[in-house]
Amino acid sequence: MLRDNLKDAIKKSGMIVQEIADKSGVKKRTIDDWVGVRGTEPKVNDLYKVCKVLGITIEWAVADEAGTEYVQKIVRNDPKSVQVPDRIFPIVENLLVLDDRDLTGILANVQALAKDKKTN
């Protein structure tokens, strides 16, 4: 689904892949690999950069049942407008490999840190 969605977004953008690569900082060959026969899976950070240039969300790019679940796990409050700052991507990439028990513990820690920051 990602491959087809990106191909569609590129076509609708009116840009050529090289232009998207230049604007996003993601290599043309990398983007070609995503939308080509190989259909390789992108790194989250690279996909975010390309989606931003194309004016689409990551959720739209991966729109199918699995893709929606994937994005909703990353951003629960508003999964339709995923706008994750670049400094957050290394954290997200590592969270994706953890199980629910690990994520529950991490969530509790993050919420405690956030609450502490808000009160100080």
C-alpha atoms as a PDB file:
ATOM      1  CA  MET A   1       0.000   0.000   0.000  1.00  0.00           C
ATOM      2  CA  LEU A   2       2.824   2.436   0.846  1.00  0.00           C
ATOM      3  CA  ARG A   3       4.343   2.034  -2.600  1.00  0.00           C
ATOM      4  CA  ASP A   4       1.081   2.846  -4.386  1.00  0.00           C
ATOM      5  CA  ASN A   5       0.220   5.725  -2.061  1.00  0.00           C
ATOM      6  CA  LEU A   6       3.623   7.356  -2.544  1.00  0.00           C
ATOM      7  CA  LYS A   7       3.450   6.911  -6.314  1.00  0.00           C
ATOM      8  CA  ASP A   8       0.040   8.589  -6.284  1.00  0.00           C
ATOM      9  CA  ALA A   9       1.226  11.465  -4.074  1.00  0.00           C
ATOM     10  CA  ILE A  10       4.291  12.041  -6.253  1.00  0.00           C
ATOM     11  CA  LYS A  11       2.148  12.131  -9.379  1.00  0.00           C
ATOM     12  CA  LYS A  12      -0.369  14.532  -7.802  1.00  0.00           C
ATOM     13  CA  SER A  13       2.429  16.789  -6.537  1.00  0.00           C
ATOM     14  CA  GLY A  14       3.602  17.537 -10.066  1.00  0.00           C
ATOM     15  CA  MET A  15       7.193  17.135  -8.888  1.00  0.00           C
ATOM     16  CA  ILE A  16       9.766  14.719 -10.212  1.00  0.00           C
ATOM     17  CA  VAL A  17      11.506  12.386  -7.774  1.00  0.00           C
ATOM     18  CA  GLN A  18      14.764  14.336  -7.997  1.00  0.00           C
ATOM     19  CA  GLU A  19      12.971  17.506  -6.900  1.00  0.00           C
ATOM     20  CA  ILE A  20      11.410  15.685  -3.940  1.00  0.00           C
ATOM     21  CA  ALA A  21      14.822  14.266  -3.056  1.00  0.00           C
ATOM     22  CA  ASP A  22      16.412  17.717  -3.171  1.00  0.00           C
ATOM     23  CA  LYS A  23      13.702  19.274  -1.009  1.00  0.00           C
ATOM     24  CA  SER A  24      13.568  16.425   1.521  1.00  0.00           C
ATOM     25  CA  GLY A  25      17.252  15.562   1.759  1.00  0.00           C
ATOM     26  CA  VAL A  26      16.438  11.900   1.039  1.00  0.00           C
ATOM     27  CA  LYS A  27      18.416  10.362  -1.820  1.00  0.00           C
ATOM     28  CA  LYS A  28      16.579   9.940  -5.128  1.00  0.00           C
ATOM     29  CA  ARG A  29      17.609   6.285  -5.298  1.00  0.00           C
ATOM     30  CA  THR A  30      16.107   5.690  -1.851  1.00  0.00           C
ATOM     31  CA  ILE A  31      12.754   7.141  -2.928  1.00  0.00           C
ATOM     32  CA  ASP A  32      12.940   5.185  -6.196  1.00  0.00           C
ATOM     33  CA  ASP A  33      13.467   2.004  -4.169  1.00  0.00           C
ATOM     34  CA  TRP A  34      10.309   2.717  -2.141  1.00  0.00           C
ATOM     35  CA  VAL A  35       8.079   3.255  -5.181  1.00  0.00           C
ATOM     36  CA  GLY A  36       9.798   0.891  -7.583  1.00  0.00           C
ATOM     37  CA  VAL A  37       9.569  -2.845  -8.070  1.00  0.00           C
ATOM     38  CA  ARG A  38      11.734  -3.445  -5.004  1.00  0.00           C
ATOM     39  CA  GLY A  39       9.251  -1.639  -2.757  1.00  0.00           C
ATOM     40  CA  THR A  40      11.744  -1.376   0.084  1.00  0.00           C
ATOM     41  CA  GLU A  41      10.510  -0.141   3.453  1.00  0.00           C
ATOM     42  CA  PRO A  42      11.613   3.375   4.367  1.00  0.00           C
ATOM     43  CA  LYS A  43      13.128   4.527   7.619  1.00  0.00           C
ATOM     44  CA  VAL A  44      10.539   6.500   9.575  1.00  0.00           C
ATOM     45  CA  ASN A  45      12.632   9.668   9.558  1.00  0.00           C
ATOM     46  CA  ASP A  46      13.137   9.549   5.778  1.00  0.00           C
ATOM     47  CA  LEU A  47       9.467   8.821   5.153  1.00  0.00           C
ATOM     48  CA  TYR A  48       8.509  11.781   7.347  1.00  0.00           C
ATOM     49  CA  LYS A  49      10.757  14.125   5.334  1.00  0.00           C
ATOM     50  CA  VAL A  50       9.330  12.964   2.005  1.00  0.00           C
ATOM     51  CA  CYS A  51       5.746  13.121   3.273  1.00  0.00           C
ATOM     52  CA  LYS A  52       6.339  16.665   4.483  1.00  0.00           C
ATOM     53  CA  VAL A  53       7.532  17.714   1.009  1.00  0.00           C
ATOM     54  CA  LEU A  54       4.546  15.979  -0.602  1.00  0.00           C
ATOM     55  CA  GLY A  55       2.113  17.564   1.851  1.00  0.00           C
ATOM     56  CA  ILE A  56       0.804  14.237   3.141  1.00  0.00           C
ATOM     57  CA  THR A  57       0.874  12.535   6.524  1.00  0.00           C
ATOM     58  CA  ILE A  58       2.685   9.315   7.292  1.00  0.00           C
ATOM     59  CA  GLU A  59      -0.679   7.786   8.121  1.00  0.00           C
ATOM     60  CA  TRP A  60      -1.979   8.573   4.651  1.00  0.00           C
ATOM     61  CA  ALA A  61       1.181   7.165   3.082  1.00  0.00           C
ATOM     62  CA  VAL A  62       0.803   3.841   4.871  1.00  0.00           C
ATOM     63  CA  ALA A  63      -3.009   3.836   4.811  1.00  0.00           C
ATOM     64  CA  ASP A  64      -4.198   0.309   5.277  1.00  0.00           C
ATOM     65  CA  GLU A  65      -5.208  -1.454   8.469  1.00  0.00           C
ATOM     66  CA  ALA A  66      -1.660  -2.296   9.556  1.00  0.00           C
ATOM     67  CA  GLY A  67      -0.409   1.163   8.627  1.00  0.00           C
ATOM     68  CA  THR A  68      -3.102   2.920  10.594  1.00  0.00           C
ATOM     69  CA  GLU A  69      -2.370   0.804  13.655  1.00  0.00           C
ATOM     70  CA  TYR A  70       1.340   1.528  13.239  1.00  0.00           C
ATOM     71  CA  VAL A  71       0.841   5.275  13.247  1.00  0.00           C
ATOM     72  CA  GLN A  72      -1.760   5.224  16.018  1.00  0.00           C
ATOM     73  CA  LYS A  73       0.765   3.507  18.265  1.00  0.00           C
ATOM     74  CA  ILE A  74       3.153   6.390  17.593  1.00  0.00           C
ATOM     75  CA  VAL A  75       0.685   9.223  18.021  1.00  0.00           C
ATOM     76  CA  ARG A  76      -2.539   8.490  19.913  1.00  0.00           C
ATOM     77  CA  ASN A  77      -4.004  11.985  20.218  1.00  0.00           C
ATOM     78  CA  ASP A  78      -4.229  12.849  16.518  1.00  0.00           C
ATOM     79  CA  PRO A  79      -3.001  10.068  14.241  1.00  0.00           C
ATOM     80  CA  LYS A  80      -4.209  11.889  11.117  1.00  0.00           C
ATOM     81  CA  SER A  81      -1.678  14.672  11.479  1.00  0.00           C
ATOM     82  CA  VAL A  82       1.587  13.046  12.440  1.00  0.00           C
ATOM     83  CA  GLN A  83       4.108  15.849  12.828  1.00  0.00           C
ATOM     84  CA  VAL A  84       6.998  14.377  14.772  1.00  0.00           C
ATOM     85  CA  PRO A  85      10.099  16.569  15.210  1.00  0.00           C
ATOM     86  CA  ASP A  86      13.307  15.082  13.803  1.00  0.00           C
ATOM     87  CA  ARG A  87      14.864  14.768  17.268  1.00  0.00           C
ATOM     88  CA  ILE A  88      12.065  12.350  18.246  1.00  0.00           C
ATOM     89  CA  PHE A  89      12.593   9.818  15.423  1.00  0.00           C
ATOM     90  CA  PRO A  90      15.429   7.847  17.042  1.00  0.00           C
ATOM     91  CA  ILE A  91      13.156   7.340  20.035  1.00  0.00           C
ATOM     92  CA  VAL A  92      10.206   6.255  17.894  1.00  0.00           C
ATOM     93  CA  GLU A  93      12.316   3.848  15.840  1.00  0.00           C
ATOM     94  CA  ASN A  94      13.469   2.112  19.013  1.00  0.00           C
ATOM     95  CA  LEU A  95       9.975   2.031  20.534  1.00  0.00           C
ATOM     96  CA  LEU A  96       8.625   0.150  17.525  1.00  0.00           C
ATOM     97  CA  VAL A  97      10.513  -3.014  18.479  1.00  0.00           C
ATOM     98  CA  LEU A  98       9.279  -3.145  22.078  1.00  0.00           C
ATOM     99  CA  ASP A  99       6.355  -5.202  23.344  1.00  0.00           C
ATOM    100  CA  ASP A 100       3.285  -3.792  25.093  1.00  0.00           C
ATOM    101  CA  ARG A 101       4.646  -4.472  28.587  1.00  0.00           C
ATOM    102  CA  ASP A 102       7.809  -2.492  27.854  1.00  0.00           C
ATOM    103  CA  LEU A 103       5.809   0.335  26.294  1.00  0.00           C
ATOM    104  CA  THR A 104       3.523   0.544  29.333  1.00  0.00           C
ATOM    105  CA  GLY A 105       6.515   1.060  31.607  1.00  0.00           C
ATOM    106  CA  ILE A 106       8.050   3.629  29.304  1.00  0.00           C
ATOM    107  CA  LEU A 107       4.751   5.493  29.023  1.00  0.00           C
ATOM    108  CA  ALA A 108       4.478   5.738  32.804  1.00  0.00           C
ATOM    109  CA  ASN A 109       8.009   7.161  32.991  1.00  0.00           C
ATOM    110  CA  VAL A 110       7.396   9.660  30.193  1.00  0.00           C
ATOM    111  CA  GLN A 111       4.136  10.809  31.749  1.00  0.00           C
ATOM    112  CA  ALA A 112       5.855  11.307  35.098  1.00  0.00           C
ATOM    113  CA  LEU A 113       8.657  13.321  33.459  1.00  0.00           C
ATOM    114  CA  ALA A 114       6.160  15.438  31.530  1.00  0.00           C
ATOM    115  CA  LYS A 115       4.084  16.094  34.631  1.00  0.00           C
ATOM    116  CA  ASP A 116       7.228  17.121  36.517  1.00  0.00           C
ATOM    117  CA  LYS A 117       8.240  19.507  33.708  1.00  0.00           C
ATOM    118  CA  LYS A 118       4.781  21.083  33.618  1.00  0.00           C
ATOM    119  CA  THR A 119       4.764  21.757  37.370  1.00  0.00           C
ATOM    120  CA  ASN A 120       8.253  23.317  37.415  1.00  0.00           C
END
